[in-house]
Amino acid sequence: MRAYMVIIIQLMIWSGFTYIEWLSRFDWYIYKMIMFFIFFYLAIVIGNWIIHSTRKTMMITFISLSLYSFLHIVLLSLW
């Protein structure tokens, strides 16, 4: 149940990243990469705070990032 909760929270974090990236669409790509790493770190810290296992947190973070990327690509292709 904790893993499911972390995935949902991390999907909200990735959604927030997408919104912030949309707001800063005219910024340089280096700033967007820095912002991605900040959100990635935030997702890991929150996941590790809930799960208390670094290995499981990293695995769940990559799963949620992959899931969100897949959904993002599919929804953009439908747009």
PDB file of N, CA and C in Angstrom:
ATOM      1  N   MET A   1       0.820  -1.192   0.000  1.00  0.00           N
ATOM      2  CA  MET A   1       0.000   0.000   0.000  1.00  0.00           C
ATOM      3  C   MET A   1       0.869   1.263   0.000  1.00  0.00           C
ATOM      4  N   ARG A   2       2.012   1.199   0.668  1.00  0.00           N
ATOM      5  CA  ARG A   2       2.906   2.359   0.686  1.00  0.00           C
ATOM      6  C   ARG A   2       3.469   2.641  -0.701  1.00  0.00           C
ATOM      7  N   ALA A   3       3.787   1.575  -1.427  1.00  0.00           N
ATOM      8  CA  ALA A   3       4.323   1.755  -2.780  1.00  0.00           C
ATOM      9  C   ALA A   3       3.288   2.426  -3.680  1.00  0.00           C
ATOM     10  N   TYR A   4       2.054   2.020  -3.564  1.00  0.00           N
ATOM     11  CA  TYR A   4       0.989   2.628  -4.353  1.00  0.00           C
ATOM     12  C   TYR A   4       0.844   4.108  -3.999  1.00  0.00           C
ATOM     13  N   MET A   5       0.902   4.423  -2.724  1.00  0.00           N
ATOM     14  CA  MET A   5       0.788   5.811  -2.285  1.00  0.00           C
ATOM     15  C   MET A   5       1.958   6.649  -2.823  1.00  0.00           C
ATOM     16  N   VAL A   6       3.157   6.085  -2.815  1.00  0.00           N
ATOM     17  CA  VAL A   6       4.330   6.806  -3.330  1.00  0.00           C
ATOM     18  C   VAL A   6       4.195   7.032  -4.828  1.00  0.00           C
ATOM     19  N   ILE A   7       3.702   6.041  -5.564  1.00  0.00           N
ATOM     20  CA  ILE A   7       3.516   6.201  -7.006  1.00  0.00           C
ATOM     21  C   ILE A   7       2.523   7.321  -7.291  1.00  0.00           C
ATOM     22  N   ILE A   8       1.422   7.376  -6.554  1.00  0.00           N
ATOM     23  CA  ILE A   8       0.431   8.430  -6.753  1.00  0.00           C
ATOM     24  C   ILE A   8       1.033   9.805  -6.441  1.00  0.00           C
ATOM     25  N   ILE A   9       1.770   9.912  -5.340  1.00  0.00           N
ATOM     26  CA  ILE A   9       2.391  11.184  -4.978  1.00  0.00           C
ATOM     27  C   ILE A   9       3.429  11.591  -6.025  1.00  0.00           C
ATOM     28  N   GLN A  10       4.207  10.634  -6.503  1.00  0.00           N
ATOM     29  CA  GLN A  10       5.217  10.959  -7.497  1.00  0.00           C
ATOM     30  C   GLN A  10       4.586  11.333  -8.833  1.00  0.00           C
ATOM     31  N   LEU A  11       3.465  10.736  -9.175  1.00  0.00           N
ATOM     32  CA  LEU A  11       2.769  11.162 -10.392  1.00  0.00           C
ATOM     33  C   LEU A  11       2.289  12.607 -10.258  1.00  0.00           C
ATOM     34  N   MET A  12       1.898  12.998  -9.040  1.00  0.00           N
ATOM     35  CA  MET A  12       1.541  14.399  -8.819  1.00  0.00           C
ATOM     36  C   MET A  12       2.769  15.300  -8.956  1.00  0.00           C
ATOM     37  N   ILE A  13       3.911  14.830  -8.495  1.00  0.00           N
ATOM     38  CA  ILE A  13       5.152  15.602  -8.628  1.00  0.00           C
ATOM     39  C   ILE A  13       5.514  15.759 -10.097  1.00  0.00           C
ATOM     40  N   TRP A  14       5.404  14.692 -10.889  1.00  0.00           N
ATOM     41  CA  TRP A  14       5.720  14.787 -12.315  1.00  0.00           C
ATOM     42  C   TRP A  14       4.719  15.682 -13.033  1.00  0.00           C
ATOM     43  N   SER A  15       3.478  15.667 -12.596  1.00  0.00           N
ATOM     44  CA  SER A  15       2.493  16.585 -13.183  1.00  0.00           C
ATOM     45  C   SER A  15       2.853  18.034 -12.871  1.00  0.00           C
ATOM     46  N   GLY A  16       3.296  18.265 -11.651  1.00  0.00           N
ATOM     47  CA  GLY A  16       3.755  19.611 -11.284  1.00  0.00           C
ATOM     48  C   GLY A  16       4.956  20.029 -12.110  1.00  0.00           C
ATOM     49  N   PHE A  17       5.851  19.099 -12.368  1.00  0.00           N
ATOM     50  CA  PHE A  17       7.010  19.401 -13.211  1.00  0.00           C
ATOM     51  C   PHE A  17       6.565  19.783 -14.613  1.00  0.00           C
ATOM     52  N   THR A  18       5.607  19.051 -15.170  1.00  0.00           N
ATOM     53  CA  THR A  18       5.120  19.352 -16.508  1.00  0.00           C
ATOM     54  C   THR A  18       4.470  20.730 -16.550  1.00  0.00           C
ATOM     55  N   TYR A  19       3.728  21.068 -15.524  1.00  0.00           N
ATOM     56  CA  TYR A  19       3.085  22.385 -15.465  1.00  0.00           C
ATOM     57  C   TYR A  19       4.125  23.499 -15.381  1.00  0.00           C
ATOM     58  N   ILE A  20       5.115  23.324 -14.530  1.00  0.00           N
ATOM     59  CA  ILE A  20       6.171  24.331 -14.391  1.00  0.00           C
ATOM     60  C   ILE A  20       6.986  24.429 -15.684  1.00  0.00           C
ATOM     61  N   GLU A  21       7.217  23.294 -16.322  1.00  0.00           N
ATOM     62  CA  GLU A  21       7.944  23.311 -17.589  1.00  0.00           C
ATOM     63  C   GLU A  21       7.131  24.052 -18.657  1.00  0.00           C
ATOM     64  N   TRP A  22       5.830  23.883 -18.639  1.00  0.00           N
ATOM     65  CA  TRP A  22       4.982  24.608 -19.588  1.00  0.00           C
ATOM     66  C   TRP A  22       5.021  26.107 -19.321  1.00  0.00           C
ATOM     67  N   LEU A  23       5.046  26.493 -18.051  1.00  0.00           N
ATOM     68  CA  LEU A  23       5.128  27.913 -17.714  1.00  0.00           C
ATOM     69  C   LEU A  23       6.458  28.528 -18.128  1.00  0.00           C
ATOM     70  N   SER A  24       7.512  27.721 -18.144  1.00  0.00           N
ATOM     71  CA  SER A  24       8.838  28.237 -18.496  1.00  0.00           C
ATOM     72  C   SER A  24       9.263  27.742 -19.877  1.00  0.00           C
ATOM     73  N   ARG A  25       8.358  27.746 -20.817  1.00  0.00           N
ATOM     74  CA  ARG A  25       8.644  27.193 -22.148  1.00  0.00           C
ATOM     75  C   ARG A  25       9.684  28.002 -22.918  1.00  0.00           C
ATOM     76  N   PHE A  26       9.949  29.230 -22.533  1.00  0.00           N
ATOM     77  CA  PHE A  26      10.930  30.046 -23.240  1.00  0.00           C
ATOM     78  C   PHE A  26      12.297  30.049 -22.550  1.00  0.00           C
ATOM     79  N   ASP A  27      12.444  29.296 -21.473  1.00  0.00           N
ATOM     80  CA  ASP A  27      13.728  29.226 -20.776  1.00  0.00           C
ATOM     81  C   ASP A  27      14.701  28.331 -21.534  1.00  0.00           C
ATOM     82  N   TRP A  28      15.970  28.458 -21.196  1.00  0.00           N
ATOM     83  CA  TRP A  28      16.984  27.621 -21.800  1.00  0.00           C
ATOM     84  C   TRP A  28      16.832  26.185 -21.308  1.00  0.00           C
ATOM     85  N   TYR A  29      17.326  25.235 -22.109  1.00  0.00           N
ATOM     86  CA  TYR A  29      17.189  23.824 -21.763  1.00  0.00           C
ATOM     87  C   TYR A  29      18.000  23.448 -20.534  1.00  0.00           C
ATOM     88  N   ILE A  30      19.100  24.136 -20.285  1.00  0.00           N
ATOM     89  CA  ILE A  30      19.897  23.821 -19.096  1.00  0.00           C
ATOM     90  C   ILE A  30      19.098  24.091 -17.826  1.00  0.00           C
ATOM     91  N   TYR A  31      18.275  25.137 -17.845  1.00  0.00           N
ATOM     92  CA  TYR A  31      17.443  25.430 -16.683  1.00  0.00           C
ATOM     93  C   TYR A  31      16.349  24.388 -16.517  1.00  0.00           C
ATOM     94  N   LYS A  32      15.849  23.888 -17.628  1.00  0.00           N
ATOM     95  CA  LYS A  32      14.831  22.833 -17.555  1.00  0.00           C
ATOM     96  C   LYS A  32      15.436  21.531 -17.022  1.00  0.00           C
ATOM     97  N   MET A  33      16.693  21.252 -17.388  1.00  0.00           N
ATOM     98  CA  MET A  33      17.356  20.060 -16.873  1.00  0.00           C
ATOM     99  C   MET A  33      17.609  20.188 -15.375  1.00  0.00           C
ATOM    100  N   ILE A  34      18.030  21.354 -14.942  1.00  0.00           N
ATOM    101  CA  ILE A  34      18.240  21.579 -13.511  1.00  0.00           C
ATOM    102  C   ILE A  34      16.933  21.423 -12.755  1.00  0.00           C
ATOM    103  N   MET A  35      15.857  21.962 -13.328  1.00  0.00           N
ATOM    104  CA  MET A  35      14.541  21.853 -12.705  1.00  0.00           C
ATOM    105  C   MET A  35      14.094  20.389 -12.644  1.00  0.00           C
ATOM    106  N   PHE A  36      14.396  19.603 -13.692  1.00  0.00           N
ATOM    107  CA  PHE A  36      14.055  18.178 -13.674  1.00  0.00           C
ATOM    108  C   PHE A  36      14.778  17.470 -12.542  1.00  0.00           C
ATOM    109  N   PHE A  37      16.065  17.758 -12.363  1.00  0.00           N
ATOM    110  CA  PHE A  37      16.818  17.104 -11.293  1.00  0.00           C
ATOM    111  C   PHE A  37      16.321  17.524  -9.905  1.00  0.00           C
ATOM    112  N   ILE A  38      15.849  18.738  -9.774  1.00  0.00           N
ATOM    113  CA  ILE A  38      15.264  19.172  -8.504  1.00  0.00           C
ATOM    114  C   ILE A  38      13.985  18.395  -8.213  1.00  0.00           C
ATOM    115  N   PHE A  39      13.124  18.245  -9.216  1.00  0.00           N
ATOM    116  CA  PHE A  39      11.892  17.485  -9.028  1.00  0.00           C
ATOM    117  C   PHE A  39      12.192  16.003  -8.804  1.00  0.00           C
ATOM    118  N   PHE A  40      13.212  15.480  -9.498  1.00  0.00           N
ATOM    119  CA  PHE A  40      13.618  14.088  -9.316  1.00  0.00           C
ATOM    120  C   PHE A  40      14.096  13.863  -7.879  1.00  0.00           C
ATOM    121  N   TYR A  41      14.907  14.780  -7.378  1.00  0.00           N
ATOM    122  CA  TYR A  41      15.385  14.688  -5.999  1.00  0.00           C
ATOM    123  C   TYR A  41      14.222  14.777  -5.008  1.00  0.00           C
ATOM    124  N   LEU A  42      13.289  15.675  -5.283  1.00  0.00           N
ATOM    125  CA  LEU A  42      12.115  15.808  -4.426  1.00  0.00           C
ATOM    126  C   LEU A  42      11.305  14.517  -4.404  1.00  0.00           C
ATOM    127  N   ALA A  43      11.131  13.894  -5.553  1.00  0.00           N
ATOM    128  CA  ALA A  43      10.389  12.626  -5.626  1.00  0.00           C
ATOM    129  C   ALA A  43      11.098  11.531  -4.831  1.00  0.00           C
ATOM    130  N   ILE A  44      12.412  11.485  -4.910  1.00  0.00           N
ATOM    131  CA  ILE A  44      13.168  10.467  -4.173  1.00  0.00           C
ATOM    132  C   ILE A  44      13.091  10.716  -2.676  1.00  0.00           C
ATOM    133  N   VAL A  45      13.243  11.954  -2.260  1.00  0.00           N
ATOM    134  CA  VAL A  45      13.211  12.266  -0.824  1.00  0.00           C
ATOM    135  C   VAL A  45      11.841  11.944  -0.229  1.00  0.00           C
ATOM    136  N   ILE A  46      10.780  12.334  -0.901  1.00  0.00           N
ATOM    137  CA  ILE A  46       9.436  12.048  -0.387  1.00  0.00           C
ATOM    138  C   ILE A  46       9.166  10.549  -0.388  1.00  0.00           C
ATOM    139  N   GLY A  47       9.590   9.860  -1.457  1.00  0.00           N
ATOM    140  CA  GLY A  47       9.408   8.404  -1.502  1.00  0.00           C
ATOM    141  C   GLY A  47      10.186   7.694  -0.417  1.00  0.00           C
ATOM    142  N   ASN A  48      11.408   8.122  -0.176  1.00  0.00           N
ATOM    143  CA  ASN A  48      12.224   7.498   0.865  1.00  0.00           C
ATOM    144  C   ASN A  48      11.684   7.811   2.252  1.00  0.00           C
ATOM    145  N   TRP A  49      11.079   8.968   2.416  1.00  0.00           N
ATOM    146  CA  TRP A  49      10.469   9.329   3.701  1.00  0.00           C
ATOM    147  C   TRP A  49       9.291   8.411   4.025  1.00  0.00           C
ATOM    148  N   ILE A  50       8.569   7.970   3.005  1.00  0.00           N
ATOM    149  CA  ILE A  50       7.405   7.110   3.225  1.00  0.00           C
ATOM    150  C   ILE A  50       7.809   5.640   3.296  1.00  0.00           C
ATOM    151  N   ILE A  51       8.702   5.200   2.414  1.00  0.00           N
ATOM    152  CA  ILE A  51       9.014   3.773   2.310  1.00  0.00           C
ATOM    153  C   ILE A  51      10.144   3.334   3.237  1.00  0.00           C
ATOM    154  N   HIS A  52      11.115   4.196   3.500  1.00  0.00           N
ATOM    155  CA  HIS A  52      12.275   3.897   4.363  1.00  0.00           C
ATOM    156  C   HIS A  52      13.202   2.847   3.761  1.00  0.00           C
ATOM    157  N   SER A  53      13.264   2.787   2.435  1.00  0.00           N
ATOM    158  CA  SER A  53      14.192   1.890   1.754  1.00  0.00           C
ATOM    159  C   SER A  53      14.661   2.579   0.474  1.00  0.00           C
ATOM    160  N   THR A  54      15.950   2.817   0.395  1.00  0.00           N
ATOM    161  CA  THR A  54      16.483   3.542  -0.751  1.00  0.00           C
ATOM    162  C   THR A  54      16.313   2.747  -2.040  1.00  0.00           C
ATOM    163  N   ARG A  55      16.554   1.461  -1.980  1.00  0.00           N
ATOM    164  CA  ARG A  55      16.447   0.619  -3.171  1.00  0.00           C
ATOM    165  C   ARG A  55      15.021   0.586  -3.713  1.00  0.00           C
ATOM    166  N   LYS A  56      14.056   0.374  -2.833  1.00  0.00           N
ATOM    167  CA  LYS A  56      12.659   0.349  -3.262  1.00  0.00           C
ATOM    168  C   LYS A  56      12.219   1.723  -3.754  1.00  0.00           C
ATOM    169  N   THR A  57      12.698   2.774  -3.108  1.00  0.00           N
ATOM    170  CA  THR A  57      12.344   4.127  -3.523  1.00  0.00           C
ATOM    171  C   THR A  57      12.850   4.415  -4.924  1.00  0.00           C
ATOM    172  N   MET A  58      14.088   4.044  -5.216  1.00  0.00           N
ATOM    173  CA  MET A  58      14.631   4.270  -6.559  1.00  0.00           C
ATOM    174  C   MET A  58      13.851   3.478  -7.600  1.00  0.00           C
ATOM    175  N   MET A  59      13.512   2.239  -7.288  1.00  0.00           N
ATOM    176  CA  MET A  59      12.767   1.408  -8.225  1.00  0.00           C
ATOM    177  C   MET A  59      11.375   2.002  -8.478  1.00  0.00           C
ATOM    178  N   ILE A  60      10.703   2.414  -7.423  1.00  0.00           N
ATOM    179  CA  ILE A  60       9.368   2.993  -7.568  1.00  0.00           C
ATOM    180  C   ILE A  60       9.437   4.326  -8.297  1.00  0.00           C
ATOM    181  N   THR A  61      10.483   5.110  -8.061  1.00  0.00           N
ATOM    182  CA  THR A  61      10.635   6.393  -8.747  1.00  0.00           C
ATOM    183  C   THR A  61      10.816   6.186 -10.247  1.00  0.00           C
ATOM    184  N   PHE A  62      11.629   5.220 -10.627  1.00  0.00           N
ATOM    185  CA  PHE A  62      11.812   4.964 -12.051  1.00  0.00           C
ATOM    186  C   PHE A  62      10.547   4.394 -12.688  1.00  0.00           C
ATOM    187  N   ILE A  63       9.801   3.602 -11.939  1.00  0.00           N
ATOM    188  CA  ILE A  63       8.528   3.087 -12.454  1.00  0.00           C
ATOM    189  C   ILE A  63       7.537   4.224 -12.655  1.00  0.00           C
ATOM    190  N   SER A  64       7.424   5.106 -11.666  1.00  0.00           N
ATOM    191  CA  SER A  64       6.465   6.206 -11.805  1.00  0.00           C
ATOM    192  C   SER A  64       6.886   7.178 -12.910  1.00  0.00           C
ATOM    193  N   LEU A  65       8.184   7.419 -13.050  1.00  0.00           N
ATOM    194  CA  LEU A  65       8.670   8.293 -14.117  1.00  0.00           C
ATOM    195  C   LEU A  65       8.418   7.667 -15.484  1.00  0.00           C
ATOM    196  N   SER A  66       8.625   6.367 -15.604  1.00  0.00           N
ATOM    197  CA  SER A  66       8.350   5.676 -16.867  1.00  0.00           C
ATOM    198  C   SER A  66       6.865   5.696 -17.192  1.00  0.00           C
ATOM    199  N   LEU A  67       6.044   5.441 -16.195  1.00  0.00           N
ATOM    200  CA  LEU A  67       4.596   5.463 -16.395  1.00  0.00           C
ATOM    201  C   LEU A  67       4.131   6.844 -16.808  1.00  0.00           C
ATOM    202  N   TYR A  68       4.619   7.863 -16.136  1.00  0.00           N
ATOM    203  CA  TYR A  68       4.214   9.226 -16.475  1.00  0.00           C
ATOM    204  C   TYR A  68       4.715   9.619 -17.857  1.00  0.00           C
ATOM    205  N   SER A  69       5.941   9.237 -18.210  1.00  0.00           N
ATOM    206  CA  SER A  69       6.468   9.554 -19.544  1.00  0.00           C
ATOM    207  C   SER A  69       5.644   8.872 -20.628  1.00  0.00           C
ATOM    208  N   PHE A  70       5.293   7.616 -20.394  1.00  0.00           N
ATOM    209  CA  PHE A  70       4.464   6.891 -21.360  1.00  0.00           C
ATOM    210  C   PHE A  70       3.111   7.568 -21.530  1.00  0.00           C
ATOM    211  N   LEU A  71       2.464   7.905 -20.422  1.00  0.00           N
ATOM    212  CA  LEU A  71       1.163   8.571 -20.504  1.00  0.00           C
ATOM    213  C   LEU A  71       1.280   9.949 -21.148  1.00  0.00           C
ATOM    214  N   HIS A  72       2.351  10.644 -20.855  1.00  0.00           N
ATOM    215  CA  HIS A  72       2.567  11.973 -21.424  1.00  0.00           C
ATOM    216  C   HIS A  72       2.729  11.885 -22.945  1.00  0.00           C
ATOM    217  N   ILE A  73       3.496  10.918 -23.419  1.00  0.00           N
ATOM    218  CA  ILE A  73       3.709  10.746 -24.855  1.00  0.00           C
ATOM    219  C   ILE A  73       2.416  10.332 -25.545  1.00  0.00           C
ATOM    220  N   VAL A  74       1.674   9.408 -24.940  1.00  0.00           N
ATOM    221  CA  VAL A  74       0.417   8.959 -25.531  1.00  0.00           C
ATOM    222  C   VAL A  74      -0.584  10.109 -25.600  1.00  0.00           C
ATOM    223  N   LEU A  75      -0.711  10.881 -24.542  1.00  0.00           N
ATOM    224  CA  LEU A  75      -1.679  11.984 -24.542  1.00  0.00           C
ATOM    225  C   LEU A  75      -1.255  13.097 -25.487  1.00  0.00           C
ATOM    226  N   LEU A  76       0.049  13.328 -25.648  1.00  0.00           N
ATOM    227  CA  LEU A  76       0.498  14.338 -26.605  1.00  0.00           C
ATOM    228  C   LEU A  76       0.256  13.900 -28.042  1.00  0.00           C
ATOM    229  N   SER A  77       0.342  12.589 -28.286  1.00  0.00           N
ATOM    230  CA  SER A  77       0.080  12.107 -29.651  1.00  0.00           C
ATOM    231  C   SER A  77      -1.402  12.201 -29.989  1.00  0.00           C
ATOM    232  N   LEU A  78      -2.271  12.162 -28.980  1.00  0.00           N
ATOM    233  CA  LEU A  78      -3.701  12.291 -29.225  1.00  0.00           C
ATOM    234  C   LEU A  78      -4.108  13.742 -29.385  1.00  0.00           C
ATOM    235  N   TRP A  79      -3.315  14.666 -28.895  1.00  0.00           N
ATOM    236  CA  TRP A  79      -3.631  16.078 -28.916  1.00  0.00           C
ATOM    237  C   TRP A  79      -3.518  16.572 -30.310  1.00  0.00           C
TER     238      TRP A  79
END
